[in-house]
């Protein structure tokens, strides 16, 4: 039998509440960036102070390290920008969902050939840009598309959304610090042969000693990065639960459950699209046929929950396990206002007509990507 959700009053809370975990990761980020700023201030002082030649070399090296660790603006890669003048209905749809959730719309919209959707901070201010994978969008039902946008936009709500720039910058600084000294890979031991003497000798022992030294030197930075990522991942998983509830406010619990089952089977969709390309078929047309699949049954949900549970703990994952997300949604079933939902469905259909025009342009890059991943 199909999944159903019981009607209930709409959730009034902000979609992304701030709790102890959000406060902890924000405080962690502030400390990291404050220490980095203090280091830069000390380096500026050392630069203007009288120095000998050796001290000048140390200052120059210090600025090289600062340049290596400095926060960098992120980019949306090869994603196609959707200008409001060319895609008015798509922008109107995103704005409508954002308004319903009580958040500011993202500063930009883009599509790429990925099988997912995400928010990326553009420029050094990390202003949010929503990137939606056209392959994923193509295979979703209208209600799933509303749920997808609702989940992503719910991440922009509340102080937790405003603090995401701090977290992103701090994580980038720690990640670059940890990778300044990277131990050689396990298989990087090489043998050298002296052809002049026709004698083979091995540097395996020296390489092993070098790896040990690098591990010891990089251990504090790696440990700090791991601690930050573990704190941030716990906060991210809590916000993902809240974003699922936000998506249910605008699309209904049934739509979010169906979306979760779809995204939990992304590898299968990728394989199906790749098979279509190898048969010289259009990948987008193959993905569009997925929309016509029947609604998942209670048995489908149970099997998906069992598969997700088999994944085990997810220490540094940014999203909770699928079975935990399903349980959280089912514990707070929500049904949006029928008239408002119908209005959003109409916007989705008009937005889809706009985005369908991009399929011919992205068909070849998607085909090449699918073939490369198959090879």
Protein backbone atom coordinates (compact mmCIF):
# COMPACT_ATOMS: atom_id res chain seq x y z
CA UNK A 1 0.00 0.00 0.00
CA UNK A 2 1.25 3.53 -0.66
CA UNK A 3 2.82 5.62 2.04
CA UNK A 4 0.55 8.17 3.62
CA UNK A 5 1.06 10.90 6.17
CA UNK A 6 -1.51 12.04 8.65
CA UNK A 7 -2.54 15.69 8.46
CA UNK A 8 -1.23 17.86 11.22
CA UNK A 9 -0.79 21.50 11.95
CA UNK A 10 2.13 23.10 10.21
CA UNK A 11 5.32 23.34 12.26
CA UNK A 12 5.80 26.87 13.51
CA UNK A 13 9.43 26.69 14.58
CA UNK A 14 12.30 28.01 12.50
CA UNK A 15 13.54 25.33 10.16
CA UNK A 16 17.07 25.39 11.51
CA UNK A 17 17.08 25.95 15.25
CA UNK A 18 20.27 26.73 17.12
CA UNK A 19 21.21 24.35 19.88
CA UNK A 20 24.33 23.52 21.91
CA UNK A 21 25.92 21.77 18.94
CA UNK A 22 25.50 24.78 16.64
CA UNK A 23 26.88 27.03 19.37
CA UNK A 24 29.86 24.71 19.87
CA UNK A 25 30.87 24.55 16.22
CA UNK A 26 30.44 28.33 15.82
CA UNK A 27 32.57 28.96 18.92
CA UNK A 28 35.18 26.49 17.61
CA UNK A 29 35.23 28.38 14.31
CA UNK A 30 35.57 31.77 15.99
CA UNK A 31 38.54 30.53 18.04
CA UNK A 32 40.27 29.10 14.96
CA UNK A 33 39.81 32.31 12.97
CA UNK A 34 40.83 34.46 15.95
CA UNK A 35 44.07 32.51 16.35
CA UNK A 36 44.71 32.84 12.62
CA UNK A 37 44.09 36.60 12.81
CA UNK A 38 46.46 36.85 15.80
CA UNK A 39 49.14 35.00 13.85
CA UNK A 40 48.75 37.44 10.96
CA UNK A 41 48.97 40.40 13.35
CA UNK A 42 52.21 39.03 14.84
CA UNK A 43 53.58 38.49 11.35
CA UNK A 44 52.76 42.10 10.41
CA UNK A 45 54.59 43.27 13.54
CA UNK A 46 57.57 41.08 12.67
CA UNK A 47 57.58 42.49 9.13
CA UNK A 48 57.89 46.13 10.22
CA UNK A 49 60.34 45.43 13.08
CA UNK A 50 64.13 45.70 12.48
CA UNK A 51 65.54 42.37 11.28
CA UNK A 52 68.70 40.69 10.14
CA UNK A 53 68.93 38.54 6.99
CA UNK A 54 67.93 35.31 8.73
CA UNK A 55 64.89 36.97 10.30
CA UNK A 56 63.87 38.33 6.90
CA UNK A 57 63.93 34.80 5.51
CA UNK A 58 61.73 33.65 8.40
CA UNK A 59 59.25 36.49 7.78
CA UNK A 60 59.06 35.70 4.07
CA UNK A 61 58.43 32.03 4.84
CA UNK A 62 55.77 33.12 7.33
CA UNK A 63 53.92 35.09 4.65
CA UNK A 64 54.14 32.11 2.30
CA UNK A 65 52.44 29.97 4.95
CA UNK A 66 49.79 32.67 5.53
CA UNK A 67 49.06 32.79 1.81
CA UNK A 68 48.74 29.00 1.76
CA UNK A 69 46.35 28.95 4.73
CA UNK A 70 44.28 32.02 3.87
CA UNK A 71 40.52 31.48 3.29
CA UNK A 72 39.59 31.18 -0.34
CA UNK A 73 36.32 32.01 -2.08
CA UNK A 74 34.50 28.92 -3.24
CA UNK A 75 33.09 28.56 -6.72
CA UNK A 76 30.22 26.68 -8.26
CA UNK A 77 32.54 25.06 -10.80
CA UNK A 78 31.10 24.49 -14.25
CA UNK A 79 27.51 24.94 -13.13
CA UNK A 80 25.33 26.96 -15.52
CA UNK A 81 24.08 30.22 -14.05
CA UNK A 82 20.34 30.83 -14.25
CA UNK A 83 19.73 34.52 -14.87
CA UNK A 84 16.37 35.79 -13.56
CA UNK A 85 15.51 37.30 -16.93
CA UNK A 86 15.95 33.98 -18.73
CA UNK A 87 14.53 31.73 -15.99
CA UNK A 88 11.87 33.85 -14.25
CA UNK A 89 9.65 30.94 -13.19
CA UNK A 90 12.57 29.01 -11.68
CA UNK A 91 13.53 32.03 -9.62
CA UNK A 92 9.88 32.59 -8.67
CA UNK A 93 9.61 28.99 -7.48
CA UNK A 94 12.71 29.25 -5.29
CA UNK A 95 11.51 32.59 -3.91
CA UNK A 96 8.08 31.13 -3.10
CA UNK A 97 9.57 28.19 -1.21
CA UNK A 98 11.98 30.48 0.63
CA UNK A 99 9.13 32.79 1.63
CA UNK A 100 7.11 29.86 2.97
CA UNK A 101 10.09 28.79 5.07
CA UNK A 102 10.78 32.33 6.27
CA UNK A 103 14.32 32.51 4.84
CA UNK A 104 16.05 34.80 2.36
CA UNK A 105 16.39 33.28 -1.12
CA UNK A 106 19.93 32.40 -2.25
CA UNK A 107 21.82 35.06 -4.14
CA UNK A 108 22.10 32.89 -7.23
CA UNK A 109 20.78 29.75 -8.91
CA UNK A 110 22.81 27.30 -10.99
CA UNK A 111 22.43 23.84 -12.49
CA UNK A 112 25.09 21.24 -13.22
CA UNK A 113 25.29 17.63 -14.37
CA UNK A 114 25.50 16.19 -10.86
CA UNK A 115 23.07 13.79 -9.22
CA UNK A 116 22.48 16.01 -6.22
CA UNK A 117 21.83 19.52 -4.95
CA UNK A 118 23.79 21.72 -2.59
CA UNK A 119 24.42 25.24 -1.39
CA UNK A 120 27.81 26.76 -2.09
CA UNK A 121 29.16 30.00 -0.65
CA UNK A 122 30.28 32.31 -3.45
CA UNK A 123 33.05 34.89 -3.04
CA UNK A 124 34.88 35.53 0.20
CA UNK A 125 31.62 36.44 1.97
CA UNK A 126 30.25 32.93 1.27
CA UNK A 127 26.95 34.29 -0.05
CA UNK A 128 24.79 31.23 -0.71
CA UNK A 129 24.22 29.98 -4.25
CA UNK A 130 21.89 27.05 -4.85
CA UNK A 131 23.21 24.45 -7.29
CA UNK A 132 20.80 21.76 -8.50
CA UNK A 133 21.87 18.78 -10.56
CA UNK A 134 19.71 18.65 -13.68
CA UNK A 135 19.89 14.80 -13.82
CA UNK A 136 18.43 14.56 -10.31
CA UNK A 137 15.80 17.24 -11.02
CA UNK A 138 14.76 15.39 -14.19
CA UNK A 139 13.91 12.14 -12.41
CA UNK A 140 11.94 13.70 -9.52
CA UNK A 141 8.19 14.18 -9.30
CA UNK A 142 6.83 17.69 -8.81
CA UNK A 143 6.35 17.15 -5.07
CA UNK A 144 9.85 15.72 -4.73
CA UNK A 145 11.24 18.80 -6.47
CA UNK A 146 9.47 21.03 -3.95
CA UNK A 147 10.86 18.88 -1.14
CA UNK A 148 14.36 19.10 -2.61
CA UNK A 149 14.24 22.89 -2.74
CA UNK A 150 12.65 23.02 0.71
CA UNK A 151 15.43 20.93 2.24
CA UNK A 152 18.20 23.03 0.70
CA UNK A 153 16.60 26.39 1.49
CA UNK A 154 15.80 25.37 5.07
CA UNK A 155 19.55 25.27 5.67
CA UNK A 156 19.58 29.05 5.19
CA UNK A 157 17.30 29.68 8.15
CA UNK A 158 18.23 31.12 11.53
CA UNK A 159 21.58 32.10 13.04
CA UNK A 160 22.94 28.65 12.17
CA UNK A 161 22.63 29.52 8.50
CA UNK A 162 24.25 32.91 9.05
CA UNK A 163 27.21 31.25 10.83
CA UNK A 164 27.91 28.82 8.01
CA UNK A 165 30.47 31.22 6.52
CA UNK A 166 32.50 31.15 9.75
CA UNK A 167 32.40 27.36 9.84
CA UNK A 168 33.40 27.05 6.18
CA UNK A 169 36.33 29.46 6.53
CA UNK A 170 37.58 27.80 9.73
CA UNK A 171 37.35 24.35 8.20
CA UNK A 172 39.30 25.53 5.15
CA UNK A 173 42.09 26.97 7.31
CA UNK A 174 42.39 23.79 9.38
CA UNK A 175 42.27 21.55 6.32
CA UNK A 176 45.07 23.46 4.60
CA UNK A 177 47.11 23.48 7.81
CA UNK A 178 46.79 19.71 8.12
CA UNK A 179 47.83 19.15 4.51
CA UNK A 180 50.94 21.35 4.57
CA UNK A 181 52.82 18.21 5.57
CA UNK A 182 51.23 15.10 4.14
CA UNK A 183 52.81 11.69 4.78
CA UNK A 184 53.68 9.64 1.72
CA UNK A 185 51.04 7.18 0.60
CA UNK A 186 51.32 3.62 1.84
CA UNK A 187 52.37 2.41 -1.63
CA UNK A 188 54.87 5.22 -2.25
CA UNK A 189 57.96 3.24 -1.24
CA UNK A 190 60.25 3.06 -4.28
CA UNK A 191 63.42 1.12 -5.03
CA UNK A 192 66.31 2.76 -6.83
CA UNK A 193 68.84 0.92 -8.91
CA UNK A 194 72.41 2.09 -9.45
CA UNK A 195 73.01 0.97 -13.04
CA UNK A 196 76.65 2.00 -12.91
CA UNK A 197 77.49 -0.61 -10.31
CA UNK A 198 74.68 -2.96 -11.32
CA UNK A 199 73.74 -3.13 -7.63
CA UNK A 200 70.16 -2.76 -6.43
CA UNK A 201 69.51 -1.07 -3.13
CA UNK A 202 66.35 -0.02 -1.32
CA UNK A 203 65.35 3.23 0.36
CA UNK A 204 62.36 1.62 2.03
CA UNK A 205 63.79 2.14 5.53
CA UNK A 206 64.56 5.83 4.89
CA UNK A 207 61.13 6.37 3.36
CA UNK A 208 59.55 4.73 6.38
CA UNK A 209 61.50 7.02 8.71
CA UNK A 210 60.44 10.03 6.64
CA UNK A 211 56.79 9.04 6.85
CA UNK A 212 57.13 8.66 10.60
CA UNK A 213 58.63 12.15 10.95
CA UNK A 214 55.92 13.69 8.77
CA UNK A 215 53.18 11.93 10.73
CA UNK A 216 54.60 13.19 14.01
CA UNK A 217 54.94 16.78 12.76
CA UNK A 218 51.48 16.85 11.17
CA UNK A 219 49.71 15.00 14.00
CA UNK A 220 48.61 18.11 16.03
CA UNK A 221 47.14 19.77 12.93
CA UNK A 222 45.43 16.56 11.81
CA UNK A 223 44.05 15.99 15.31
CA UNK A 224 42.66 19.53 15.42
CA UNK A 225 41.06 19.09 11.99
CA UNK A 226 39.48 15.78 13.01
CA UNK A 227 38.09 17.33 16.20
CA UNK A 228 36.62 20.23 14.25
CA UNK A 229 35.09 17.96 11.60
CA UNK A 230 33.54 15.69 14.23
CA UNK A 231 31.99 18.71 16.01
CA UNK A 232 30.80 20.20 12.72
CA UNK A 233 29.37 16.90 11.46
CA UNK A 234 27.24 16.44 14.59
CA UNK A 235 25.87 19.95 14.10
CA UNK A 236 25.34 19.33 10.38
CA UNK A 237 23.38 16.14 11.04
CA UNK A 238 21.12 17.96 13.50
CA UNK A 239 20.49 20.70 10.95
CA UNK A 240 19.77 18.11 8.26
CA UNK A 241 16.98 16.69 10.43
CA UNK A 242 15.57 20.22 10.82
CA UNK A 243 15.88 20.79 7.06
CA UNK A 244 13.89 17.61 6.41
CA UNK A 245 11.11 18.97 8.63
CA UNK A 246 11.29 22.27 6.76
CA UNK A 247 10.93 20.42 3.47
CA UNK A 248 7.88 18.61 4.87
CA UNK A 249 6.28 21.98 5.64
CA UNK A 250 6.25 22.96 1.97
CA UNK A 251 5.91 19.56 0.26
CA UNK A 252 4.42 17.18 2.82
CA UNK A 253 5.99 14.26 4.66
CA UNK A 254 5.10 11.77 1.91
CA UNK A 255 7.03 13.80 -0.69
CA UNK A 256 10.10 14.08 1.56
CA UNK A 257 10.05 10.34 2.27
CA UNK A 258 9.86 9.62 -1.43
CA UNK A 259 12.72 12.07 -2.08
CA UNK A 260 14.84 10.34 0.58
CA UNK A 261 14.24 6.95 -1.02
CA UNK A 262 15.20 8.41 -4.41
CA UNK A 263 18.43 9.95 -3.14
CA UNK A 264 19.30 6.78 -1.21
CA UNK A 265 19.22 5.04 -4.59
CA UNK A 266 21.36 7.58 -6.47
CA UNK A 267 23.95 4.96 -7.40
CA UNK A 268 21.24 2.96 -9.16
CA UNK A 269 20.05 6.03 -11.08
CA UNK A 270 23.62 6.78 -12.09
CA UNK A 271 24.06 3.21 -13.34
CA UNK A 272 20.78 3.34 -15.24
CA UNK A 273 21.72 6.62 -16.94
CA UNK A 274 25.15 5.23 -17.80
CA UNK A 275 23.59 2.12 -19.34
CA UNK A 276 21.32 4.32 -21.46
CA UNK A 277 24.31 6.29 -22.74
CA UNK A 278 26.16 3.12 -23.65
CA UNK A 279 23.09 2.09 -25.66
CA UNK A 280 23.40 5.48 -27.42
CA UNK A 281 20.20 6.71 -25.82
CA UNK A 282 19.52 10.11 -24.27
CA UNK A 283 20.37 10.01 -20.56
CA UNK A 284 17.87 12.74 -19.69
CA UNK A 285 15.06 10.84 -21.40
CA UNK A 286 15.96 7.71 -19.43
CA UNK A 287 15.95 9.68 -16.18
CA UNK A 288 12.64 11.37 -17.03
CA UNK A 289 11.03 7.92 -17.23
CA UNK A 290 11.87 7.41 -13.54
CA UNK A 291 9.21 10.00 -12.64
CA UNK A 292 6.53 7.56 -13.75
CA UNK A 293 7.50 4.88 -11.26
CA UNK A 294 4.77 4.00 -8.75
CA UNK A 295 4.75 5.50 -5.28
CA UNK A 296 6.90 3.56 -2.82
CA UNK A 297 5.07 1.10 -0.61
CA UNK A 298 5.53 0.48 3.08
CA UNK A 299 7.64 -2.52 2.12
CA UNK A 300 9.91 -0.31 -0.01
CA UNK A 301 10.42 2.02 2.94
CA UNK A 302 11.16 -0.88 5.27
CA UNK A 303 13.76 -2.31 2.88
CA UNK A 304 15.39 1.10 2.45
CA UNK A 305 15.52 1.51 6.21
CA UNK A 306 17.18 -1.90 6.58
CA UNK A 307 19.81 -1.08 3.95
CA UNK A 308 20.56 2.26 5.59
CA UNK A 309 20.85 0.68 9.03
CA UNK A 310 23.42 -1.74 7.63
CA UNK A 311 25.72 1.17 6.88
CA UNK A 312 26.55 1.43 10.58
CA UNK A 313 27.81 4.56 12.41
CA UNK A 314 28.67 7.66 10.38
CA UNK A 315 31.25 9.48 12.48
CA UNK A 316 32.02 12.48 10.26
CA UNK A 317 29.09 12.29 7.85
CA UNK A 318 27.26 15.57 7.20
CA UNK A 319 23.83 13.92 7.03
CA UNK A 320 22.21 11.36 9.32
CA UNK A 321 21.70 7.80 8.21
CA UNK A 322 18.68 7.33 5.98
CA UNK A 323 16.76 5.20 8.49
CA UNK A 324 17.15 7.87 11.18
CA UNK A 325 15.89 10.56 8.80
CA UNK A 326 12.87 8.44 7.90
CA UNK A 327 12.06 7.84 11.55
CA UNK A 328 12.32 11.54 12.40
CA UNK A 329 9.96 12.45 9.57
CA UNK A 330 7.43 9.78 10.47
CA UNK A 331 7.44 10.98 14.08
CA UNK A 332 6.18 14.43 12.97
CA UNK A 333 3.98 13.92 9.91
CA UNK A 334 3.01 17.15 8.16
CA UNK A 335 0.58 17.98 5.38
CA UNK A 336 0.86 21.46 3.77
CA UNK A 337 -2.11 23.57 2.81
CA UNK A 338 -3.64 22.04 -0.33
CA UNK A 339 -4.11 25.34 -2.18
CA UNK A 340 -0.55 26.49 -1.44
CA UNK A 341 0.86 23.13 -2.52
CA UNK A 342 -1.08 23.25 -5.77
CA UNK A 343 0.29 26.74 -6.45
CA UNK A 344 3.84 25.49 -5.91
CA UNK A 345 3.20 22.52 -8.23
CA UNK A 346 2.16 24.95 -10.96
CA UNK A 347 5.39 26.89 -10.46
CA UNK A 348 7.39 23.65 -10.58
CA UNK A 349 5.89 22.72 -13.93
CA UNK A 350 6.71 26.12 -15.40
CA UNK A 351 10.22 26.00 -13.95
CA UNK A 352 10.71 22.52 -15.38
CA UNK A 353 9.76 23.78 -18.84
CA UNK A 354 12.52 26.40 -18.51
CA UNK A 355 15.12 23.94 -17.25
CA UNK A 356 14.25 21.38 -19.93
CA UNK A 357 15.71 23.82 -22.44
CA UNK A 358 19.14 23.22 -20.89
CA UNK A 359 19.09 19.48 -21.52
CA UNK A 360 20.42 19.64 -25.11
CA UNK A 361 23.33 21.81 -23.95
CA UNK A 362 24.18 19.53 -21.01
CA UNK A 363 23.51 16.22 -22.76
CA UNK A 364 27.03 15.82 -24.12
CA UNK A 365 28.84 16.78 -20.86
CA UNK A 366 26.57 14.37 -18.97
CA UNK A 367 27.22 11.61 -21.49
CA UNK A 368 30.99 12.14 -21.25
CA UNK A 369 30.84 12.17 -17.46
CA UNK A 370 28.85 8.94 -17.36
CA UNK A 371 31.18 7.23 -19.82
CA UNK A 372 34.28 8.38 -17.91
CA UNK A 373 32.88 7.10 -14.62
CA UNK A 374 32.04 3.78 -16.27
CA UNK A 375 35.57 3.43 -17.60
